[in-house]
Amino acid sequence: MIRVLIADDHNVFVEGIESLLSGSSEIAVTQRCFTVASALASLQANPVDVVLLDISFPHIDDGLGLCEQINRLYPHIKVIALTMHDDASLIKRVVKKGVKGYLLKNTTKTELLQAIQTVHGEKQYFNETITHILLNDEPRSRKATSGAGLRPNLTPRESEVLALIAQGFTTQQMANQLFVSSKAVEFHRSSLLMKFGVPNTALLIKNAMEMQYID
């Protein structure tokens, strides 16, 4: 029996995944965790084989940090990122943290079962969609490392968030302005920091102004 822990701060989603897996004779959801702290405590007390992890849990850096800790403390546990984010740079960042599989939250029951069984069998699982995203990003990555192409490639939403950050909007104000959740805003903020290679908002704004992304 493959023992699975679901780490996600959305209770309804956790219940949905548990329902999908409930009919399997080979896989059992043995733990459900809604915070990073509870996930770490649960892993210390109860053995599992696979962790289904929402990498923005509750923020990107928290999810990535948890993934890193699981791989360091429990190298035998296989982590599958189960998320709504399909950004190539983030996928690559997550893979570097040691995940063995990457699935989007619109995955099917068949694919979810296959992914769990695959990583449990000591192999990686990246479906056709994720592979396509990564392959299509390669030319852009090579261009970015050539002398003339050092400017980050931003999505339209990232450009909107960057403009609002420069105007001094808070996370909640940005969420209200863009009609998205504060969690989504934090994701885009983290993505911007990563793409510009800076540790904080002040340097983000400075670099963005120097590169003429904002006035």
C-alpha atoms as a PDB file:
ATOM      1  CA  MET A   1       0.000   0.000   0.000  1.00  0.00           C
ATOM      2  CA  ILE A   2       1.359   3.426  -0.984  1.00  0.00           C
ATOM      3  CA  ARG A   3       0.756   5.878   1.875  1.00  0.00           C
ATOM      4  CA  VAL A   4       0.039   9.439   0.767  1.00  0.00           C
ATOM      5  CA  LEU A   5       0.081  12.768   2.605  1.00  0.00           C
ATOM      6  CA  ILE A   6      -1.775  15.702   1.020  1.00  0.00           C
ATOM      7  CA  ALA A   7      -0.330  19.110   1.909  1.00  0.00           C
ATOM      8  CA  ASP A   8      -2.668  21.871   0.741  1.00  0.00           C
ATOM      9  CA  ASP A   9      -4.361  24.756   2.533  1.00  0.00           C
ATOM     10  CA  HIS A  10      -7.667  24.370   0.642  1.00  0.00           C
ATOM     11  CA  ASN A  11      -9.867  21.927   2.515  1.00  0.00           C
ATOM     12  CA  VAL A  12     -12.300  21.385  -0.365  1.00  0.00           C
ATOM     13  CA  PHE A  13      -9.487  20.521  -2.752  1.00  0.00           C
ATOM     14  CA  VAL A  14      -7.966  18.070  -0.257  1.00  0.00           C
ATOM     15  CA  GLU A  15     -11.324  16.351   0.105  1.00  0.00           C
ATOM     16  CA  GLY A  16     -11.616  16.150  -3.680  1.00  0.00           C
ATOM     17  CA  ILE A  17      -8.211  14.516  -4.093  1.00  0.00           C
ATOM     18  CA  GLU A  18      -8.935  12.114  -1.266  1.00  0.00           C
ATOM     19  CA  SER A  19     -12.197  11.171  -2.976  1.00  0.00           C
ATOM     20  CA  LEU A  20     -10.367  10.521  -6.265  1.00  0.00           C
ATOM     21  CA  LEU A  21      -7.939   8.178  -4.552  1.00  0.00           C
ATOM     22  CA  SER A  22     -10.454   6.443  -2.290  1.00  0.00           C
ATOM     23  CA  GLY A  23     -11.284   3.699  -4.782  1.00  0.00           C
ATOM     24  CA  SER A  24      -7.706   2.548  -5.236  1.00  0.00           C
ATOM     25  CA  SER A  25      -6.616  -0.720  -3.642  1.00  0.00           C
ATOM     26  CA  GLU A  26      -2.934   0.289  -3.885  1.00  0.00           C
ATOM     27  CA  ILE A  27      -3.002   3.875  -2.606  1.00  0.00           C
ATOM     28  CA  ALA A  28      -4.326   5.311   0.660  1.00  0.00           C
ATOM     29  CA  VAL A  29      -4.448   8.905   1.897  1.00  0.00           C
ATOM     30  CA  THR A  30      -3.221   8.552   5.470  1.00  0.00           C
ATOM     31  CA  GLN A  31      -2.601  12.218   6.338  1.00  0.00           C
ATOM     32  CA  ARG A  32      -4.048  15.615   5.445  1.00  0.00           C
ATOM     33  CA  CYS A  33      -2.168  18.779   6.384  1.00  0.00           C
ATOM     34  CA  PHE A  34      -3.238  22.381   5.923  1.00  0.00           C
ATOM     35  CA  THR A  35      -0.115  24.179   7.217  1.00  0.00           C
ATOM     36  CA  VAL A  36       3.627  23.729   6.778  1.00  0.00           C
ATOM     37  CA  ALA A  37       4.074  23.190  10.522  1.00  0.00           C
ATOM     38  CA  SER A  38       1.437  20.459  10.679  1.00  0.00           C
ATOM     39  CA  ALA A  39       2.963  18.735   7.643  1.00  0.00           C
ATOM     40  CA  LEU A  40       6.403  18.601   9.253  1.00  0.00           C
ATOM     41  CA  ALA A  41       4.952  17.404  12.568  1.00  0.00           C
ATOM     42  CA  SER A  42       2.892  14.757  10.815  1.00  0.00           C
ATOM     43  CA  LEU A  43       5.847  13.470   8.798  1.00  0.00           C
ATOM     44  CA  GLN A  44       7.881  13.155  11.981  1.00  0.00           C
ATOM     45  CA  ALA A  45       5.184  11.087  13.683  1.00  0.00           C
ATOM     46  CA  ASN A  46       3.778   9.021  10.827  1.00  0.00           C
ATOM     47  CA  PRO A  47       5.589   7.343   7.917  1.00  0.00           C
ATOM     48  CA  VAL A  48       4.388   8.044   4.370  1.00  0.00           C
ATOM     49  CA  ASP A  49       5.657   7.184   0.909  1.00  0.00           C
ATOM     50  CA  VAL A  50       4.441  10.086  -1.238  1.00  0.00           C
ATOM     51  CA  VAL A  51       3.565  13.726  -0.531  1.00  0.00           C
ATOM     52  CA  LEU A  52       1.171  15.616  -2.814  1.00  0.00           C
ATOM     53  CA  LEU A  53       2.273  19.201  -2.247  1.00  0.00           C
ATOM     54  CA  ASP A  54       0.695  22.476  -3.304  1.00  0.00           C
ATOM     55  CA  ILE A  55       3.880  24.488  -3.827  1.00  0.00           C
ATOM     56  CA  SER A  56       2.117  27.783  -2.996  1.00  0.00           C
ATOM     57  CA  PHE A  57       1.410  26.509   0.507  1.00  0.00           C
ATOM     58  CA  PRO A  58       0.483  29.139   1.645  1.00  0.00           C
ATOM     59  CA  HIS A  59       3.151  31.038  -0.343  1.00  0.00           C
ATOM     60  CA  ILE A  60       5.640  29.901  -2.975  1.00  0.00           C
ATOM     61  CA  ASP A  61       8.648  30.210  -0.663  1.00  0.00           C
ATOM     62  CA  ASP A  62       6.838  28.212   2.051  1.00  0.00           C
ATOM     63  CA  GLY A  63       5.997  25.403  -0.366  1.00  0.00           C
ATOM     64  CA  LEU A  64       9.496  25.293  -1.802  1.00  0.00           C
ATOM     65  CA  GLY A  65      10.969  25.372   1.697  1.00  0.00           C
ATOM     66  CA  LEU A  66       8.792  22.466   2.785  1.00  0.00           C
ATOM     67  CA  CYS A  67       9.805  20.495  -0.295  1.00  0.00           C
ATOM     68  CA  GLU A  68      13.461  21.133   0.492  1.00  0.00           C
ATOM     69  CA  GLN A  69      13.028  20.032   4.109  1.00  0.00           C
ATOM     70  CA  ILE A  70      11.226  16.838   3.119  1.00  0.00           C
ATOM     71  CA  ASN A  71      14.021  15.908   0.727  1.00  0.00           C
ATOM     72  CA  ARG A  72      16.662  16.662   3.343  1.00  0.00           C
ATOM     73  CA  LEU A  73      14.988  15.008   6.334  1.00  0.00           C
ATOM     74  CA  TYR A  74      13.119  12.193   4.583  1.00  0.00           C
ATOM     75  CA  PRO A  75      14.963  11.395   1.332  1.00  0.00           C
ATOM     76  CA  HIS A  76      12.932   8.202   0.877  1.00  0.00           C
ATOM     77  CA  ILE A  77       9.672  10.199   0.569  1.00  0.00           C
ATOM     78  CA  LYS A  78       8.729  11.176  -2.983  1.00  0.00           C
ATOM     79  CA  VAL A  79       7.209  14.633  -3.493  1.00  0.00           C
ATOM     80  CA  ILE A  80       4.763  15.434  -6.290  1.00  0.00           C
ATOM     81  CA  ALA A  81       3.936  19.102  -6.879  1.00  0.00           C
ATOM     82  CA  LEU A  82       0.177  19.401  -7.384  1.00  0.00           C
ATOM     83  CA  THR A  83      -0.533  23.000  -8.296  1.00  0.00           C
ATOM     84  CA  MET A  84      -2.336  25.451 -10.556  1.00  0.00           C
ATOM     85  CA  HIS A  85       0.905  27.143 -11.681  1.00  0.00           C
ATOM     86  CA  ASP A  86       2.214  26.323 -15.167  1.00  0.00           C
ATOM     87  CA  ASP A  87       5.068  28.850 -15.395  1.00  0.00           C
ATOM     88  CA  ALA A  88       8.203  27.220 -16.852  1.00  0.00           C
ATOM     89  CA  SER A  89      10.640  29.099 -14.605  1.00  0.00           C
ATOM     90  CA  LEU A  90       8.725  28.003 -11.510  1.00  0.00           C
ATOM     91  CA  ILE A  91       8.544  24.389 -12.680  1.00  0.00           C
ATOM     92  CA  LYS A  92      12.329  24.375 -13.118  1.00  0.00           C
ATOM     93  CA  ARG A  93      12.795  25.940  -9.688  1.00  0.00           C
ATOM     94  CA  VAL A  94      10.575  23.286  -8.108  1.00  0.00           C
ATOM     95  CA  VAL A  95      12.411  20.457  -9.875  1.00  0.00           C
ATOM     96  CA  LYS A  96      15.695  21.775  -8.463  1.00  0.00           C
ATOM     97  CA  LYS A  97      14.169  21.459  -4.981  1.00  0.00           C
ATOM     98  CA  GLY A  98      13.796  17.722  -5.543  1.00  0.00           C
ATOM     99  CA  VAL A  99      10.219  17.018  -6.620  1.00  0.00           C
ATOM    100  CA  LYS A 100       9.799  13.745  -8.496  1.00  0.00           C
ATOM    101  CA  GLY A 101       6.621  14.759 -10.305  1.00  0.00           C
ATOM    102  CA  TYR A 102       4.682  17.852 -11.326  1.00  0.00           C
ATOM    103  CA  LEU A 103       0.918  17.905 -11.939  1.00  0.00           C
ATOM    104  CA  LEU A 104      -1.566  20.682 -12.548  1.00  0.00           C
ATOM    105  CA  LYS A 105      -4.701  20.726 -10.419  1.00  0.00           C
ATOM    106  CA  ASN A 106      -6.902  19.931 -13.407  1.00  0.00           C
ATOM    107  CA  THR A 107      -5.306  16.480 -13.586  1.00  0.00           C
ATOM    108  CA  THR A 108      -7.449  13.380 -14.065  1.00  0.00           C
ATOM    109  CA  LYS A 109      -7.862  10.513 -11.633  1.00  0.00           C
ATOM    110  CA  THR A 110      -6.019   8.161 -14.000  1.00  0.00           C
ATOM    111  CA  GLU A 111      -3.071  10.520 -14.306  1.00  0.00           C
ATOM    112  CA  LEU A 112      -2.909  11.151 -10.564  1.00  0.00           C
ATOM    113  CA  LEU A 113      -2.811   7.423  -9.834  1.00  0.00           C
ATOM    114  CA  GLN A 114      -0.183   6.914 -12.515  1.00  0.00           C
ATOM    115  CA  ALA A 115       1.994   9.719 -11.142  1.00  0.00           C
ATOM    116  CA  ILE A 116       1.897   8.340  -7.587  1.00  0.00           C
ATOM    117  CA  GLN A 117       2.754   4.832  -8.743  1.00  0.00           C
ATOM    118  CA  THR A 118       5.524   6.110 -11.017  1.00  0.00           C
ATOM    119  CA  VAL A 119       7.366   8.180  -8.396  1.00  0.00           C
ATOM    120  CA  HIS A 120       6.900   5.435  -5.817  1.00  0.00           C
ATOM    121  CA  GLY A 121       8.677   3.173  -8.307  1.00  0.00           C
ATOM    122  CA  GLU A 122      11.743   5.452  -8.172  1.00  0.00           C
ATOM    123  CA  LYS A 123      10.997   7.258 -11.447  1.00  0.00           C
ATOM    124  CA  GLN A 124      10.041  10.845 -12.293  1.00  0.00           C
ATOM    125  CA  TYR A 125       6.633  11.841 -13.635  1.00  0.00           C
ATOM    126  CA  PHE A 126       6.132  14.847 -15.909  1.00  0.00           C
ATOM    127  CA  ASN A 127       3.179  14.598 -18.245  1.00  0.00           C
ATOM    128  CA  GLU A 128       2.977  15.814 -21.834  1.00  0.00           C
ATOM    129  CA  THR A 129       1.671  19.255 -20.850  1.00  0.00           C
ATOM    130  CA  ILE A 130       4.520  19.988 -18.420  1.00  0.00           C
ATOM    131  CA  THR A 131       7.117  18.586 -20.795  1.00  0.00           C
ATOM    132  CA  HIS A 132       5.741  20.799 -23.574  1.00  0.00           C
ATOM    133  CA  ILE A 133       5.939  23.894 -21.354  1.00  0.00           C
ATOM    134  CA  LEU A 134       9.562  23.161 -20.460  1.00  0.00           C
ATOM    135  CA  LEU A 135      10.628  22.394 -24.036  1.00  0.00           C
ATOM    136  CA  ASN A 136       8.985  25.537 -25.397  1.00  0.00           C
ATOM    137  CA  ASP A 137      10.810  27.609 -22.788  1.00  0.00           C
ATOM    138  CA  GLU A 138      14.262  26.443 -23.888  1.00  0.00           C
ATOM    139  CA  PRO A 139      14.788  28.922 -26.770  1.00  0.00           C
ATOM    140  CA  ARG A 140      13.754  31.773 -24.463  1.00  0.00           C
ATOM    141  CA  SER A 141      16.186  30.531 -21.803  1.00  0.00           C
ATOM    142  CA  ARG A 142      19.078  30.420 -24.259  1.00  0.00           C
ATOM    143  CA  LYS A 143      18.221  33.904 -25.501  1.00  0.00           C
ATOM    144  CA  ALA A 144      18.151  35.223 -21.945  1.00  0.00           C
ATOM    145  CA  THR A 145      21.689  33.998 -21.320  1.00  0.00           C
ATOM    146  CA  SER A 146      23.087  35.530 -24.522  1.00  0.00           C
ATOM    147  CA  GLY A 147      24.564  39.003 -24.257  1.00  0.00           C
ATOM    148  CA  ALA A 148      21.620  40.976 -25.615  1.00  0.00           C
ATOM    149  CA  GLY A 149      18.770  39.302 -23.813  1.00  0.00           C
ATOM    150  CA  LEU A 150      19.057  39.857 -20.078  1.00  0.00           C
ATOM    151  CA  ARG A 151      15.597  41.381 -19.626  1.00  0.00           C
ATOM    152  CA  PRO A 152      13.154  39.063 -17.798  1.00  0.00           C
ATOM    153  CA  ASN A 153      10.214  37.846 -19.845  1.00  0.00           C
ATOM    154  CA  LEU A 154       7.085  38.845 -17.888  1.00  0.00           C
ATOM    155  CA  THR A 155       3.549  37.590 -18.290  1.00  0.00           C
ATOM    156  CA  PRO A 156       0.785  40.217 -18.674  1.00  0.00           C
ATOM    157  CA  ARG A 157      -0.355  39.561 -15.092  1.00  0.00           C
ATOM    158  CA  GLU A 158       3.182  39.923 -13.741  1.00  0.00           C
ATOM    159  CA  SER A 159       3.458  43.267 -15.539  1.00  0.00           C
ATOM    160  CA  GLU A 160       0.223  44.417 -13.879  1.00  0.00           C
ATOM    161  CA  VAL A 161       1.410  43.319 -10.429  1.00  0.00           C
ATOM    162  CA  LEU A 162       4.783  44.998 -10.971  1.00  0.00           C
ATOM    163  CA  ALA A 163       3.083  48.299 -11.858  1.00  0.00           C
ATOM    164  CA  LEU A 164       0.905  48.132  -8.741  1.00  0.00           C
ATOM    165  CA  ILE A 165       3.883  47.281  -6.530  1.00  0.00           C
ATOM    166  CA  ALA A 166       5.650  50.359  -7.876  1.00  0.00           C
ATOM    167  CA  GLN A 167       2.590  52.438  -6.942  1.00  0.00           C
ATOM    168  CA  GLY A 168       2.799  51.212  -3.354  1.00  0.00           C
ATOM    169  CA  PHE A 169      -0.287  48.989  -3.338  1.00  0.00           C
ATOM    170  CA  THR A 170      -0.540  46.378  -0.579  1.00  0.00           C
ATOM    171  CA  THR A 171      -1.151  42.717  -1.408  1.00  0.00           C
ATOM    172  CA  GLN A 172      -4.842  42.991  -0.533  1.00  0.00           C
ATOM    173  CA  GLN A 173      -5.249  46.200  -2.519  1.00  0.00           C
ATOM    174  CA  MET A 174      -3.674  44.530  -5.541  1.00  0.00           C
ATOM    175  CA  ALA A 175      -5.938  41.506  -5.132  1.00  0.00           C
ATOM    176  CA  ASN A 176      -8.996  43.803  -5.061  1.00  0.00           C
ATOM    177  CA  GLN A 177      -7.766  45.779  -8.056  1.00  0.00           C
ATOM    178  CA  LEU A 178      -7.085  42.676 -10.169  1.00  0.00           C
ATOM    179  CA  PHE A 179     -10.056  40.641  -8.891  1.00  0.00           C
ATOM    180  CA  VAL A 180      -7.843  37.749  -7.775  1.00  0.00           C
ATOM    181  CA  SER A 181      -6.948  36.200  -4.424  1.00  0.00           C
ATOM    182  CA  SER A 182      -4.161  37.569  -2.233  1.00  0.00           C
ATOM    183  CA  LYS A 183      -2.493  34.169  -2.637  1.00  0.00           C
ATOM    184  CA  ALA A 184      -2.362  34.693  -6.414  1.00  0.00           C
ATOM    185  CA  VAL A 185      -0.789  38.123  -5.907  1.00  0.00           C
ATOM    186  CA  GLU A 186       1.862  36.632  -3.611  1.00  0.00           C
ATOM    187  CA  PHE A 187       2.625  34.028  -6.250  1.00  0.00           C
ATOM    188  CA  HIS A 188       3.202  36.696  -8.906  1.00  0.00           C
ATOM    189  CA  ARG A 189       5.296  38.757  -6.475  1.00  0.00           C
ATOM    190  CA  SER A 190       7.497  35.725  -5.751  1.00  0.00           C
ATOM    191  CA  SER A 191       7.781  35.030  -9.461  1.00  0.00           C
ATOM    192  CA  LEU A 192       8.877  38.617 -10.118  1.00  0.00           C
ATOM    193  CA  LEU A 193      11.547  38.467  -7.410  1.00  0.00           C
ATOM    194  CA  MET A 194      12.822  35.239  -8.920  1.00  0.00           C
ATOM    195  CA  LYS A 195      12.859  36.517 -12.511  1.00  0.00           C
ATOM    196  CA  PHE A 196      14.669  39.723 -11.576  1.00  0.00           C
ATOM    197  CA  GLY A 197      17.016  37.810  -9.273  1.00  0.00           C
ATOM    198  CA  VAL A 198      16.445  40.072  -6.280  1.00  0.00           C
ATOM    199  CA  PRO A 199      15.604  39.323  -2.614  1.00  0.00           C
ATOM    200  CA  ASN A 200      13.179  42.152  -1.848  1.00  0.00           C
ATOM    201  CA  THR A 201      10.644  44.621  -3.249  1.00  0.00           C
ATOM    202  CA  ALA A 202      12.968  47.633  -3.059  1.00  0.00           C
ATOM    203  CA  LEU A 203      15.523  46.035  -5.363  1.00  0.00           C
ATOM    204  CA  LEU A 204      12.741  44.730  -7.581  1.00  0.00           C
ATOM    205  CA  ILE A 205      11.465  48.261  -8.188  1.00  0.00           C
ATOM    206  CA  LYS A 206      15.024  49.594  -8.657  1.00  0.00           C
ATOM    207  CA  ASN A 207      15.900  46.969 -11.274  1.00  0.00           C
ATOM    208  CA  ALA A 208      12.529  47.271 -13.001  1.00  0.00           C
ATOM    209  CA  MET A 209      13.014  51.047 -13.346  1.00  0.00           C
ATOM    210  CA  GLU A 210      16.560  50.629 -14.678  1.00  0.00           C
ATOM    211  CA  MET A 211      15.252  48.169 -17.283  1.00  0.00           C
ATOM    212  CA  GLN A 212      12.372  50.550 -18.068  1.00  0.00           C
ATOM    213  CA  TYR A 213       9.588  48.151 -17.109  1.00  0.00           C
ATOM    214  CA  ILE A 214       8.141  50.973 -14.994  1.00  0.00           C
ATOM    215  CA  ASP A 215       8.605  54.744 -14.974  1.00  0.00           C
END
